[in-house]
PDB file of N, CA and C in Angstrom:
ATOM      1  N   LEU A   1       6.148 -21.418 -24.074  1.00  0.00           N
ATOM      2  CA  LEU A   1       6.512 -22.105 -22.537  1.00  0.00           C
ATOM      3  C   LEU A   1       5.472 -23.722 -23.283  1.00  0.00           C
ATOM      4  N   ARG A   2       4.983 -23.642 -24.562  1.00  0.00           N
ATOM      5  CA  ARG A   2       4.731 -25.025 -24.782  1.00  0.00           C
ATOM      6  C   ARG A   2       5.825 -25.901 -24.936  1.00  0.00           C
ATOM      7  N   ASP A   3       7.280 -25.273 -25.617  1.00  0.00           N
ATOM      8  CA  ASP A   3       8.567 -26.314 -25.918  1.00  0.00           C
ATOM      9  C   ASP A   3       9.357 -26.691 -24.739  1.00  0.00           C
ATOM     10  N   PRO A   4       9.366 -28.351 -25.527  1.00  0.00           N
ATOM     11  CA  PRO A   4       9.843 -29.587 -23.814  1.00  0.00           C
ATOM     12  C   PRO A   4      11.313 -29.145 -23.152  1.00  0.00           C
ATOM     13  N   SER A   5      11.710 -27.900 -24.325  1.00  0.00           N
ATOM     14  CA  SER A   5      13.490 -27.315 -24.229  1.00  0.00           C
ATOM     15  C   SER A   5      13.263 -26.879 -23.185  1.00  0.00           C
ATOM     16  N   ALA A   6      11.917 -25.798 -23.140  1.00  0.00           N
ATOM     17  CA  ALA A   6      11.857 -24.534 -22.400  1.00  0.00           C
ATOM     18  C   ALA A   6      12.136 -25.043 -20.886  1.00  0.00           C
ATOM     19  N   ASP A   7      13.027 -24.343 -20.478  1.00  0.00           N
ATOM     20  CA  ASP A   7      13.388 -23.914 -19.239  1.00  0.00           C
ATOM     21  C   ASP A   7      12.384 -24.397 -17.878  1.00  0.00           C
ATOM     22  N   ALA A   8      12.166 -25.202 -17.187  1.00  0.00           N
ATOM     23  CA  ALA A   8      11.189 -25.788 -16.310  1.00  0.00           C
ATOM     24  C   ALA A   8      10.686 -24.627 -15.644  1.00  0.00           C
ATOM     25  N   LYS A   9      11.785 -23.964 -15.047  1.00  0.00           N
ATOM     26  CA  LYS A   9      11.822 -23.139 -13.723  1.00  0.00           C
ATOM     27  C   LYS A   9      11.233 -21.819 -14.805  1.00  0.00           C
ATOM     28  N   ILE A  10      11.654 -21.540 -15.736  1.00  0.00           N
ATOM     29  CA  ILE A  10      11.383 -19.718 -16.208  1.00  0.00           C
ATOM     30  C   ILE A  10       9.332 -20.090 -16.654  1.00  0.00           C
ATOM     31  N   SER A  11       9.643 -21.122 -17.176  1.00  0.00           N
ATOM     32  CA  SER A  11       8.368 -21.955 -17.849  1.00  0.00           C
ATOM     33  C   SER A  11       7.517 -21.509 -16.619  1.00  0.00           C
ATOM     34  N   ALA A  12       7.278 -22.249 -15.548  1.00  0.00           N
ATOM     35  CA  ALA A  12       6.414 -21.919 -14.581  1.00  0.00           C
ATOM     36  C   ALA A  12       6.390 -20.612 -13.789  1.00  0.00           C
ATOM     37  N   SER A  13       7.254 -20.402 -13.809  1.00  0.00           N
ATOM     38  CA  SER A  13       7.070 -18.873 -13.497  1.00  0.00           C
ATOM     39  C   SER A  13       5.933 -17.695 -14.708  1.00  0.00           C
ATOM     40  N   LEU A  14       6.514 -17.901 -15.527  1.00  0.00           N
ATOM     41  CA  LEU A  14       5.742 -16.939 -16.848  1.00  0.00           C
ATOM     42  C   LEU A  14       4.244 -17.961 -16.402  1.00  0.00           C
ATOM     43  N   ARG A  15       4.119 -19.315 -16.830  1.00  0.00           N
ATOM     44  CA  ARG A  15       2.793 -19.268 -16.691  1.00  0.00           C
ATOM     45  C   ARG A  15       2.103 -18.841 -15.348  1.00  0.00           C
ATOM     46  N   GLU A  16       2.725 -18.382 -14.555  1.00  0.00           N
ATOM     47  CA  GLU A  16       1.915 -17.811 -13.177  1.00  0.00           C
ATOM     48  C   GLU A  16       1.800 -16.426 -13.543  1.00  0.00           C
ATOM     49  N   ALA A  17       2.612 -15.274 -14.004  1.00  0.00           N
ATOM     50  CA  ALA A  17       2.592 -14.579 -13.959  1.00  0.00           C
ATOM     51  C   ALA A  17       1.335 -14.118 -14.941  1.00  0.00           C
ATOM     52  N   LEU A  18       1.340 -15.187 -15.742  1.00  0.00           N
ATOM     53  CA  LEU A  18       0.091 -15.074 -17.101  1.00  0.00           C
ATOM     54  C   LEU A  18      -0.805 -15.533 -16.425  1.00  0.00           C
ATOM     55  N   ASP A  19      -1.632 -16.381 -15.605  1.00  0.00           N
ATOM     56  CA  ASP A  19      -2.834 -16.933 -14.299  1.00  0.00           C
ATOM     57  C   ASP A  19      -2.464 -15.290 -13.400  1.00  0.00           C
ATOM     58  N   LEU A  20      -1.605 -14.850 -12.893  1.00  0.00           N
ATOM     59  CA  LEU A  20      -2.150 -13.568 -11.984  1.00  0.00           C
ATOM     60  C   LEU A  20      -1.987 -12.498 -12.995  1.00  0.00           C
ATOM     61  N   GLN A  21      -1.957 -12.131 -13.839  1.00  0.00           N
ATOM     62  CA  GLN A  21      -2.658 -11.148 -15.252  1.00  0.00           C
ATOM     63  C   GLN A  21      -4.036 -11.239 -15.335  1.00  0.00           C
ATOM     64  N   ASP A  22      -3.977 -12.593 -15.662  1.00  0.00           N
ATOM     65  CA  ASP A  22      -5.619 -12.978 -15.862  1.00  0.00           C
ATOM     66  C   ASP A  22      -6.639 -12.812 -14.565  1.00  0.00           C
ATOM     67  N   LYS A  23      -6.205 -13.026 -13.862  1.00  0.00           N
ATOM     68  CA  LYS A  23      -6.906 -12.208 -12.403  1.00  0.00           C
ATOM     69  C   LYS A  23      -7.118 -11.500 -12.020  1.00  0.00           C
ATOM     70  N   ILE A  24      -5.600 -10.567 -12.428  1.00  0.00           N
ATOM     71  CA  ILE A  24      -6.066  -9.390 -12.342  1.00  0.00           C
ATOM     72  C   ILE A  24      -7.423  -8.533 -13.305  1.00  0.00           C
ATOM     73  N   GLY A  25      -7.155  -9.217 -14.904  1.00  0.00           N
ATOM     74  CA  GLY A  25      -7.858  -8.502 -15.503  1.00  0.00           C
ATOM     75  C   GLY A  25      -9.628  -8.865 -14.882  1.00  0.00           C
ATOM     76  N   LYS A  26      -9.491  -9.635 -14.452  1.00  0.00           N
ATOM     77  CA  LYS A  26     -11.198 -10.283 -13.521  1.00  0.00           C
ATOM     78  C   LYS A  26     -11.586  -9.135 -12.548  1.00  0.00           C
ATOM     79  N   LEU A  27     -10.519  -8.994 -11.811  1.00  0.00           N
ATOM     80  CA  LEU A  27     -10.898  -8.047 -10.781  1.00  0.00           C
ATOM     81  C   LEU A  27     -10.908  -6.791 -11.485  1.00  0.00           C
ATOM     82  N   ASP A  28     -10.362  -6.034 -12.582  1.00  0.00           N
ATOM     83  CA  ASP A  28     -10.276  -5.208 -13.336  1.00  0.00           C
ATOM     84  C   ASP A  28     -12.042  -5.274 -13.651  1.00  0.00           C
ATOM     85  N   ARG A  29     -12.328  -5.972 -14.073  1.00  0.00           N
ATOM     86  CA  ARG A  29     -13.630  -5.857 -15.165  1.00  0.00           C
ATOM     87  C   ARG A  29     -15.057  -5.751 -13.426  1.00  0.00           C
ATOM     88  N   GLU A  30     -14.355  -6.648 -12.413  1.00  0.00           N
ATOM     89  CA  GLU A  30     -15.630  -6.054 -11.433  1.00  0.00           C
ATOM     90  C   GLU A  30     -15.394  -5.310 -10.693  1.00  0.00           C
ATOM     91  N   LEU A  31     -14.038  -4.340 -10.679  1.00  0.00           N
ATOM     92  CA  LEU A  31     -13.930  -3.089  -9.941  1.00  0.00           C
ATOM     93  C   LEU A  31     -14.994  -2.299 -10.929  1.00  0.00           C
ATOM     94  N   GLY A  32     -15.028  -1.937 -11.885  1.00  0.00           N
ATOM     95  CA  GLY A  32     -15.731  -1.386 -12.865  1.00  0.00           C
ATOM     96  C   GLY A  32     -16.940  -1.312 -12.925  1.00  0.00           C
ATOM     97  N   ARG A  33     -17.384  -2.872 -12.501  1.00  0.00           N
ATOM     98  CA  ARG A  33     -18.653  -3.422 -12.158  1.00  0.00           C
ATOM     99  C   ARG A  33     -19.232  -2.742 -11.600  1.00  0.00           C
ATOM    100  N   LEU A  34     -18.458  -2.688 -10.036  1.00  0.00           N
ATOM    101  CA  LEU A  34     -18.619  -2.023  -9.161  1.00  0.00           C
ATOM    102  C   LEU A  34     -19.146  -0.411  -8.475  1.00  0.00           C
ATOM    103  N   ARG A  35     -17.809   0.260  -9.722  1.00  0.00           N
ATOM    104  CA  ARG A  35     -18.173   1.151  -9.369  1.00  0.00           C
ATOM    105  C   ARG A  35     -19.182   1.831 -10.124  1.00  0.00           C
ATOM    106  N   ARG A  36     -19.383   1.464 -11.300  1.00  0.00           N
ATOM    107  CA  ARG A  36     -20.723   1.482 -11.554  1.00  0.00           C
ATOM    108  C   ARG A  36     -22.004   1.824 -10.752  1.00  0.00           C
ATOM    109  N   ALA A  37     -21.970   0.324 -10.036  1.00  0.00           N
ATOM    110  CA  ALA A  37     -23.072   0.319  -9.568  1.00  0.00           C
ATOM    111  C   ALA A  37     -22.931   1.330  -8.336  1.00  0.00           C
ATOM    112  N   LYS A  38     -21.990   1.586  -7.371  1.00  0.00           N
ATOM    113  CA  LYS A  38     -21.559   2.553  -6.010  1.00  0.00           C
ATOM    114  C   LYS A  38     -22.496   3.659  -7.213  1.00  0.00           C
ATOM    115  N   LYS A  39     -22.000   4.118  -8.408  1.00  0.00           N
ATOM    116  CA  LYS A  39     -22.662   5.522  -9.078  1.00  0.00           C
ATOM    117  C   LYS A  39     -24.192   5.503  -9.068  1.00  0.00           C
ATOM    118  N   ALA A  40     -24.945   4.634  -9.435  1.00  0.00           N
ATOM    119  CA  ALA A  40     -25.438   4.446  -9.594  1.00  0.00           C
ATOM    120  C   ALA A  40     -26.488   4.390  -8.047  1.00  0.00           C
ATOM    121  N   TYR A  41     -25.943   3.627  -7.348  1.00  0.00           N
ATOM    122  CA  TYR A  41     -26.455   3.686  -6.463  1.00  0.00           C
ATOM    123  C   TYR A  41     -26.726   5.265  -5.481  1.00  0.00           C
ATOM    124  N   SER A  42     -25.354   6.115  -5.764  1.00  0.00           N
ATOM    125  CA  SER A  42     -25.313   7.312  -5.092  1.00  0.00           C
ATOM    126  C   SER A  42     -25.948   8.246  -5.658  1.00  0.00           C
ATOM    127  N   ASP A  43     -26.385   8.308  -7.332  1.00  0.00           N
ATOM    128  CA  ASP A  43     -26.758   9.405  -7.599  1.00  0.00           C
ATOM    129  C   ASP A  43     -28.526   9.047  -7.900  1.00  0.00           C
ATOM    130  N   ARG A  44     -29.419   7.550  -7.068  1.00  0.00           N
ATOM    131  CA  ARG A  44     -30.622   7.475  -7.029  1.00  0.00           C
ATOM    132  C   ARG A  44     -30.756   7.465  -5.400  1.00  0.00           C
ATOM    133  N   GLN A  45     -30.145   7.797  -4.642  1.00  0.00           N
ATOM    134  CA  GLN A  45     -30.019   7.882  -2.996  1.00  0.00           C
ATOM    135  C   GLN A  45     -29.887   9.966  -3.936  1.00  0.00           C
ATOM    136  N   GLN A  46     -29.561  10.312  -3.992  1.00  0.00           N
ATOM    137  CA  GLN A  46     -29.878  12.159  -3.892  1.00  0.00           C
ATOM    138  C   GLN A  46     -31.663  11.964  -4.250  1.00  0.00           C
ATOM    139  N   GLN A  47     -31.749  11.241  -5.378  1.00  0.00           N
ATOM    140  CA  GLN A  47     -33.231  11.616  -6.678  1.00  0.00           C
ATOM    141  C   GLN A  47     -33.586  12.011  -5.551  1.00  0.00           C
ATOM    142  N   VAL A  48     -33.820  10.365  -4.323  1.00  0.00           N
ATOM    143  CA  VAL A  48     -34.413   9.931  -3.541  1.00  0.00           C
ATOM    144  C   VAL A  48     -35.023  11.170  -2.304  1.00  0.00           C
ATOM    145  N   ARG A  49     -33.598  11.704  -2.047  1.00  0.00           N
ATOM    146  CA  ARG A  49     -33.829  12.783  -1.280  1.00  0.00           C
ATOM    147  C   ARG A  49     -34.202  13.866  -1.449  1.00  0.00           C
ATOM    148  N   ASP A  50     -33.883  13.870  -3.104  1.00  0.00           N
ATOM    149  CA  ASP A  50     -34.529  15.256  -3.399  1.00  0.00           C
ATOM    150  C   ASP A  50     -36.083  15.114  -3.304  1.00  0.00           C
ATOM    151  N   ASN A  51     -36.376  14.390  -3.554  1.00  0.00           N
ATOM    152  CA  ASN A  51     -37.813  13.607  -3.277  1.00  0.00           C
ATOM    153  C   ASN A  51     -38.419  13.961  -1.931  1.00  0.00           C
ATOM    154  N   ILE A  52     -37.677  13.397  -1.057  1.00  0.00           N
ATOM    155  CA  ILE A  52     -37.987  13.783   0.173  1.00  0.00           C
ATOM    156  C   ILE A  52     -38.158  14.991   0.532  1.00  0.00           C
ATOM    157  N   LYS A  53     -37.014  16.030   0.080  1.00  0.00           N
ATOM    158  CA  LYS A  53     -37.755  17.638  -0.025  1.00  0.00           C
ATOM    159  C   LYS A  53     -38.497  18.131  -0.396  1.00  0.00           C
ATOM    160  N   LEU A  54     -39.162  17.981  -1.099  1.00  0.00           N
ATOM    161  CA  LEU A  54     -40.220  18.364  -2.228  1.00  0.00           C
ATOM    162  C   LEU A  54     -41.495  18.110  -1.212  1.00  0.00           C
ATOM    163  N   LEU A  55     -41.441  17.208  -0.722  1.00  0.00           N
ATOM    164  CA  LEU A  55     -42.752  16.133   0.239  1.00  0.00           C
ATOM    165  C   LEU A  55     -42.976  17.517   1.203  1.00  0.00           C
ATOM    166  N   GLY A  56     -41.930  18.038   1.896  1.00  0.00           N
ATOM    167  CA  GLY A  56     -42.147  18.481   2.621  1.00  0.00           C
ATOM    168  C   GLY A  56     -42.713  17.803   4.246  1.00  0.00           C
ATOM    169  N   LYS A  57     -43.640  18.477   4.856  1.00  0.00           N
ATOM    170  CA  LYS A  57     -43.860  18.094   6.324  1.00  0.00           C
ATOM    171  C   LYS A  57     -45.275  17.437   6.474  1.00  0.00           C
ATOM    172  N   SER A  58     -45.711  18.156   4.555  1.00  0.00           N
ATOM    173  CA  SER A  58     -46.993  18.366   4.562  1.00  0.00           C
ATOM    174  C   SER A  58     -47.426  17.012   4.843  1.00  0.00           C
ATOM    175  N   ILE A  59     -49.204  16.442   5.909  1.00  0.00           N
ATOM    176  CA  ILE A  59     -49.627  15.146   6.809  1.00  0.00           C
ATOM    177  C   ILE A  59     -50.042  14.189   6.108  1.00  0.00           C
ATOM    178  N   ARG A  60     -50.136  14.541   4.436  1.00  0.00           N
ATOM    179  CA  ARG A  60     -50.536  14.060   3.618  1.00  0.00           C
ATOM    180  C   ARG A  60     -49.836  13.159   2.573  1.00  0.00           C
ATOM    181  N   ASN A  61     -48.413  13.889   3.146  1.00  0.00           N
ATOM    182  CA  ASN A  61     -47.712  13.122   1.794  1.00  0.00           C
ATOM    183  C   ASN A  61     -46.623  12.818   3.109  1.00  0.00           C
ATOM    184  N   ALA A  62     -47.051  12.115   3.902  1.00  0.00           N
ATOM    185  CA  ALA A  62     -46.112  11.329   5.192  1.00  0.00           C
ATOM    186  C   ALA A  62     -46.205   9.578   5.092  1.00  0.00           C
ATOM    187  N   ASP A  63     -47.534   9.803   4.299  1.00  0.00           N
ATOM    188  CA  ASP A  63     -47.266   7.823   3.341  1.00  0.00           C
ATOM    189  C   ASP A  63     -45.692   7.580   3.246  1.00  0.00           C
ATOM    190  N   LEU A  64     -46.448   8.831   2.158  1.00  0.00           N
ATOM    191  CA  LEU A  64     -44.822   8.537   0.617  1.00  0.00           C
ATOM    192  C   LEU A  64     -43.777   9.026   1.286  1.00  0.00           C
ATOM    193  N   ALA A  65     -43.356   9.856   2.237  1.00  0.00           N
ATOM    194  CA  ALA A  65     -41.873  10.162   2.907  1.00  0.00           C
ATOM    195  C   ALA A  65     -41.860   8.821   3.476  1.00  0.00           C
ATOM    196  N   ARG A  66     -42.622   8.530   3.912  1.00  0.00           N
ATOM    197  CA  ARG A  66     -41.785   7.106   5.094  1.00  0.00           C
ATOM    198  C   ARG A  66     -41.749   6.003   3.716  1.00  0.00           C
ATOM    199  N   LYS A  67     -42.356   5.585   2.681  1.00  0.00           N
ATOM    200  CA  LYS A  67     -41.887   4.941   1.896  1.00  0.00           C
ATOM    201  C   LYS A  67     -40.856   5.041   1.162  1.00  0.00           C
ATOM    202  N   LEU A  68     -40.197   6.322   0.550  1.00  0.00           N
ATOM    203  CA  LEU A  68     -39.387   7.342   0.685  1.00  0.00           C
ATOM    204  C   LEU A  68     -37.813   6.792   1.155  1.00  0.00           C
ATOM    205  N   THR A  69     -38.602   7.435   2.471  1.00  0.00           N
ATOM    206  CA  THR A  69     -37.229   6.881   3.762  1.00  0.00           C
ATOM    207  C   THR A  69     -36.681   5.339   3.838  1.00  0.00           C
ATOM    208  N   ASN A  70     -37.594   4.455   3.763  1.00  0.00           N
ATOM    209  CA  ASN A  70     -37.213   3.024   3.616  1.00  0.00           C
ATOM    210  C   ASN A  70     -36.648   2.753   2.331  1.00  0.00           C
ATOM    211  N   ALA A  71     -37.048   3.295   1.162  1.00  0.00           N
ATOM    212  CA  ALA A  71     -35.585   3.217   0.816  1.00  0.00           C
ATOM    213  C   ALA A  71     -34.571   3.884   0.503  1.00  0.00           C
ATOM    214  N   LEU A  72     -34.575   5.302   1.176  1.00  0.00           N
ATOM    215  CA  LEU A  72     -33.448   5.178   1.256  1.00  0.00           C
ATOM    216  C   LEU A  72     -32.587   4.556   2.127  1.00  0.00           C
ATOM    217  N   LYS A  73     -33.034   3.744   3.127  1.00  0.00           N
ATOM    218  CA  LYS A  73     -32.394   3.168   4.167  1.00  0.00           C
ATOM    219  C   LYS A  73     -32.276   1.956   3.434  1.00  0.00           C
ATOM    220  N   GLN A  74     -32.658   1.184   2.410  1.00  0.00           N
ATOM    221  CA  GLN A  74     -32.633  -0.124   2.048  1.00  0.00           C
ATOM    222  C   GLN A  74     -31.187   0.792   0.877  1.00  0.00           C
ATOM    223  N   LEU A  75     -30.840   2.002  -0.079  1.00  0.00           N
ATOM    224  CA  LEU A  75     -30.219   2.360  -1.051  1.00  0.00           C
ATOM    225  C   LEU A  75     -29.047   2.524   0.104  1.00  0.00           C
ATOM    226  N   GLU A  76     -28.657   2.668   1.628  1.00  0.00           N
ATOM    227  CA  GLU A  76     -27.584   2.682   2.005  1.00  0.00           C
ATOM    228  C   GLU A  76     -27.315   1.861   2.538  1.00  0.00           C
ATOM    229  N   ASN A  77     -28.025   1.087   2.421  1.00  0.00           N
ATOM    230  CA  ASN A  77     -27.091  -0.761   3.377  1.00  0.00           C
ATOM    231  C   ASN A  77     -26.484  -1.478   1.707  1.00  0.00           C
ATOM    232  N   ASP A  78     -26.972  -1.042   0.266  1.00  0.00           N
ATOM    233  CA  ASP A  78     -26.717  -1.470  -0.950  1.00  0.00           C
ATOM    234  C   ASP A  78     -25.164  -1.205  -1.137  1.00  0.00           C
ATOM    235  N   LEU A  79     -25.255   0.259  -0.635  1.00  0.00           N
ATOM    236  CA  LEU A  79     -24.262   1.497  -1.013  1.00  0.00           C
ATOM    237  C   LEU A  79     -23.050   0.099  -0.191  1.00  0.00           C
ATOM    238  N   ASN A  80     -23.317   0.391   1.087  1.00  0.00           N
ATOM    239  CA  ASN A  80     -22.924  -0.328   1.878  1.00  0.00           C
ATOM    240  C   ASN A  80     -21.876  -1.521   2.148  1.00  0.00           C
ATOM    241  N   LYS A  81     -22.490  -2.352   0.633  1.00  0.00           N
ATOM    242  CA  LYS A  81     -22.063  -3.765   0.693  1.00  0.00           C
ATOM    243  C   LYS A  81     -21.172  -3.440  -0.629  1.00  0.00           C
ATOM    244  N   VAL A  82     -21.751  -2.575  -1.471  1.00  0.00           N
ATOM    245  CA  VAL A  82     -20.722  -2.266  -2.654  1.00  0.00           C
ATOM    246  C   VAL A  82     -19.788  -1.419  -2.079  1.00  0.00           C
ATOM    247  N   THR A  83     -19.738  -0.562  -1.199  1.00  0.00           N
ATOM    248  CA  THR A  83     -18.518  -0.184  -1.305  1.00  0.00           C
ATOM    249  C   THR A  83     -17.126  -1.262  -0.184  1.00  0.00           C
ATOM    250  N   ARG A  84     -17.893  -1.750   0.818  1.00  0.00           N
ATOM    251  CA  ARG A  84     -17.368  -2.887   1.362  1.00  0.00           C
ATOM    252  C   ARG A  84     -16.208  -3.909   0.049  1.00  0.00           C
ATOM    253  N   GLN A  85     -17.059  -4.208  -1.053  1.00  0.00           N
ATOM    254  CA  GLN A  85     -16.823  -5.305  -2.395  1.00  0.00           C
ATOM    255  C   GLN A  85     -15.999  -4.582  -2.835  1.00  0.00           C
ATOM    256  N   LEU A  86     -15.480  -2.619  -3.348  1.00  0.00           N
ATOM    257  CA  LEU A  86     -15.106  -2.187  -4.166  1.00  0.00           C
ATOM    258  C   LEU A  86     -13.773  -2.627  -3.344  1.00  0.00           C
ATOM    259  N   VAL A  87     -13.650  -2.211  -1.457  1.00  0.00           N
ATOM    260  CA  VAL A  87     -12.200  -2.200  -0.485  1.00  0.00           C
ATOM    261  C   VAL A  87     -11.490  -3.449  -0.805  1.00  0.00           C
ATOM    262  N   GLN A  88     -12.456  -4.398  -0.561  1.00  0.00           N
ATOM    263  CA  GLN A  88     -12.048  -6.160  -0.696  1.00  0.00           C
ATOM    264  C   GLN A  88     -11.133  -6.350  -2.035  1.00  0.00           C
ATOM    265  N   LYS A  89     -12.131  -5.899  -3.316  1.00  0.00           N
ATOM    266  CA  LYS A  89     -11.543  -6.281  -3.782  1.00  0.00           C
ATOM    267  C   LYS A  89     -10.253  -5.220  -5.028  1.00  0.00           C
ATOM    268  N   ASP A  90     -10.185  -4.028  -4.604  1.00  0.00           N
ATOM    269  CA  ASP A  90      -8.913  -3.706  -4.895  1.00  0.00           C
ATOM    270  C   ASP A  90      -7.620  -3.776  -3.573  1.00  0.00           C
ATOM    271  N   MET A  91      -8.135  -4.232  -2.866  1.00  0.00           N
ATOM    272  CA  MET A  91      -7.163  -4.519  -1.817  1.00  0.00           C
ATOM    273  C   MET A  91      -6.254  -6.336  -2.492  1.00  0.00           C
ATOM    274  N   LYS A  92      -7.604  -6.963  -3.045  1.00  0.00           N
ATOM    275  CA  LYS A  92      -6.889  -8.056  -3.441  1.00  0.00           C
ATOM    276  C   LYS A  92      -6.247  -7.642  -4.939  1.00  0.00           C
ATOM    277  N   ARG A  93      -6.561  -7.337  -5.955  1.00  0.00           N
ATOM    278  CA  ARG A  93      -5.874  -6.875  -6.679  1.00  0.00           C
ATOM    279  C   ARG A  93      -4.754  -5.827  -6.644  1.00  0.00           C
ATOM    280  N   SER A  94      -4.473  -4.780  -5.321  1.00  0.00           N
ATOM    281  CA  SER A  94      -2.827  -4.624  -5.313  1.00  0.00           C
ATOM    282  C   SER A  94      -2.360  -5.532  -4.238  1.00  0.00           C
ATOM    283  N   GLU A  95      -2.472  -6.595  -4.027  1.00  0.00           N
ATOM    284  CA  GLU A  95      -1.984  -8.294  -4.024  1.00  0.00           C
ATOM    285  C   GLU A  95      -1.521  -8.935  -5.180  1.00  0.00           C
ATOM    286  N   LEU A  96      -2.253  -9.020  -6.089  1.00  0.00           N
ATOM    287  CA  LEU A  96      -2.028  -9.659  -7.454  1.00  0.00           C
ATOM    288  C   LEU A  96      -0.658  -8.857  -7.844  1.00  0.00           C
ATOM    289  N   SER A  97      -1.172  -8.136  -8.188  1.00  0.00           N
ATOM    290  CA  SER A  97       0.185  -7.207  -8.644  1.00  0.00           C
ATOM    291  C   SER A  97       1.454  -7.064  -7.967  1.00  0.00           C
ATOM    292  N   ASP A  98       1.039  -6.433  -7.092  1.00  0.00           N
ATOM    293  CA  ASP A  98       2.639  -6.618  -5.771  1.00  0.00           C
ATOM    294  C   ASP A  98       3.257  -7.799  -6.205  1.00  0.00           C
ATOM    295  N   ARG A  99       2.225  -9.428  -6.155  1.00  0.00           N
ATOM    296  CA  ARG A  99       3.074 -10.820  -6.506  1.00  0.00           C
ATOM    297  C   ARG A  99       3.400 -10.557  -7.849  1.00  0.00           C
ATOM    298  N   LEU A 100       2.873  -9.453  -8.511  1.00  0.00           N
ATOM    299  CA  LEU A 100       2.921  -9.894 -10.217  1.00  0.00           C
ATOM    300  C   LEU A 100       4.432  -9.123 -10.713  1.00  0.00           C
ATOM    301  N   THR A 101       4.616  -8.255  -9.847  1.00  0.00           N
ATOM    302  CA  THR A 101       6.077  -7.262 -10.299  1.00  0.00           C
ATOM    303  C   THR A 101       7.388  -8.385  -9.404  1.00  0.00           C
ATOM    304  N   VAL A 102       6.959  -8.781  -7.997  1.00  0.00           N
ATOM    305  CA  VAL A 102       7.915  -9.694  -7.383  1.00  0.00           C
ATOM    306  C   VAL A 102       8.199 -10.433  -8.880  1.00  0.00           C
ATOM    307  N   LEU A 103       7.599 -11.645  -9.085  1.00  0.00           N
ATOM    308  CA  LEU A 103       7.790 -12.232  -9.773  1.00  0.00           C
ATOM    309  C   LEU A 103       7.949 -12.157 -11.307  1.00  0.00           C
ATOM    310  N   ILE A 104       8.017 -11.160 -12.004  1.00  0.00           N
ATOM    311  CA  ILE A 104       8.450 -10.668 -13.073  1.00  0.00           C
ATOM    312  C   ILE A 104      10.181  -9.867 -12.640  1.00  0.00           C
ATOM    313  N   LYS A 105      10.109  -9.687 -11.237  1.00  0.00           N
ATOM    314  CA  LYS A 105      11.930  -9.034 -12.087  1.00  0.00           C
ATOM    315  C   LYS A 105      12.343 -10.125 -11.341  1.00  0.00           C
ATOM    316  N   SER A 106      11.964 -11.419 -10.268  1.00  0.00           N
ATOM    317  CA  SER A 106      12.573 -12.605 -10.358  1.00  0.00           C
ATOM    318  C   SER A 106      13.000 -12.969 -11.405  1.00  0.00           C
ATOM    319  N   ILE A 107      12.687 -12.937 -12.751  1.00  0.00           N
ATOM    320  CA  ILE A 107      12.772 -13.802 -13.549  1.00  0.00           C
ATOM    321  C   ILE A 107      13.777 -13.778 -14.776  1.00  0.00           C
ATOM    322  N   THR A 108      14.800 -14.452 -14.769  1.00  0.00           N
ATOM    323  CA  THR A 108      15.887 -14.484 -15.597  1.00  0.00           C
ATOM    324  C   THR A 108      16.195 -15.338 -16.859  1.00  0.00           C
ATOM    325  N   LEU A 109      16.722 -14.721 -17.838  1.00  0.00           N
ATOM    326  CA  LEU A 109      16.192 -15.368 -19.352  1.00  0.00           C
ATOM    327  C   LEU A 109      17.664 -15.829 -19.349  1.00  0.00           C
ATOM    328  N   LYS A 110      19.263 -15.668 -18.178  1.00  0.00           N
ATOM    329  CA  LYS A 110      20.564 -15.817 -18.257  1.00  0.00           C
ATOM    330  C   LYS A 110      20.633 -17.326 -18.476  1.00  0.00           C
ATOM    331  N   VAL A 111      21.136 -18.075 -19.134  1.00  0.00           N
ATOM    332  CA  VAL A 111      21.595 -19.481 -19.434  1.00  0.00           C
ATOM    333  C   VAL A 111      22.784 -19.849 -19.152  1.00  0.00           C
ATOM    334  N   GLU A 112      22.682 -20.364 -18.278  1.00  0.00           N
ATOM    335  CA  GLU A 112      23.534 -21.409 -17.483  1.00  0.00           C
ATOM    336  C   GLU A 112      23.938 -21.804 -17.622  1.00  0.00           C
ATOM    337  N   LYS A 113      25.705 -22.146 -17.686  1.00  0.00           N
ATOM    338  CA  LYS A 113      26.467 -22.961 -18.794  1.00  0.00           C
ATOM    339  C   LYS A 113      26.583 -24.190 -17.799  1.00  0.00           C
ATOM    340  N   LYS A 114      26.480 -25.200 -19.249  1.00  0.00           N
ATOM    341  CA  LYS A 114      26.540 -26.563 -18.135  1.00  0.00           C
ATOM    342  C   LYS A 114      27.898 -27.053 -18.140  1.00  0.00           C
TER     343      LYS A 114
END
């Protein structure tokens, strides 16, 4: 790509392909982080639900049950936010992957006779 005698069109396409691969790699890392966060929120939600169930309907536990219910609502909001981000980033990754596929298929290494 740095060779001045290289075909400019092919070099530009290869640079773009490398750039797309880099962006896809970054998105893959972000998607992995978001999937781990989603699982952590889901696990924590289940723990809170289990704790609420253990408390039962006892009046003595009403304050704690209310706090846990509020925590559960916050976890639900956080989980929804992470899920939206996952969907958006996954769509972006698919778009970039499609662009990369089209770009790679369009690159030809045939040497044209002058």
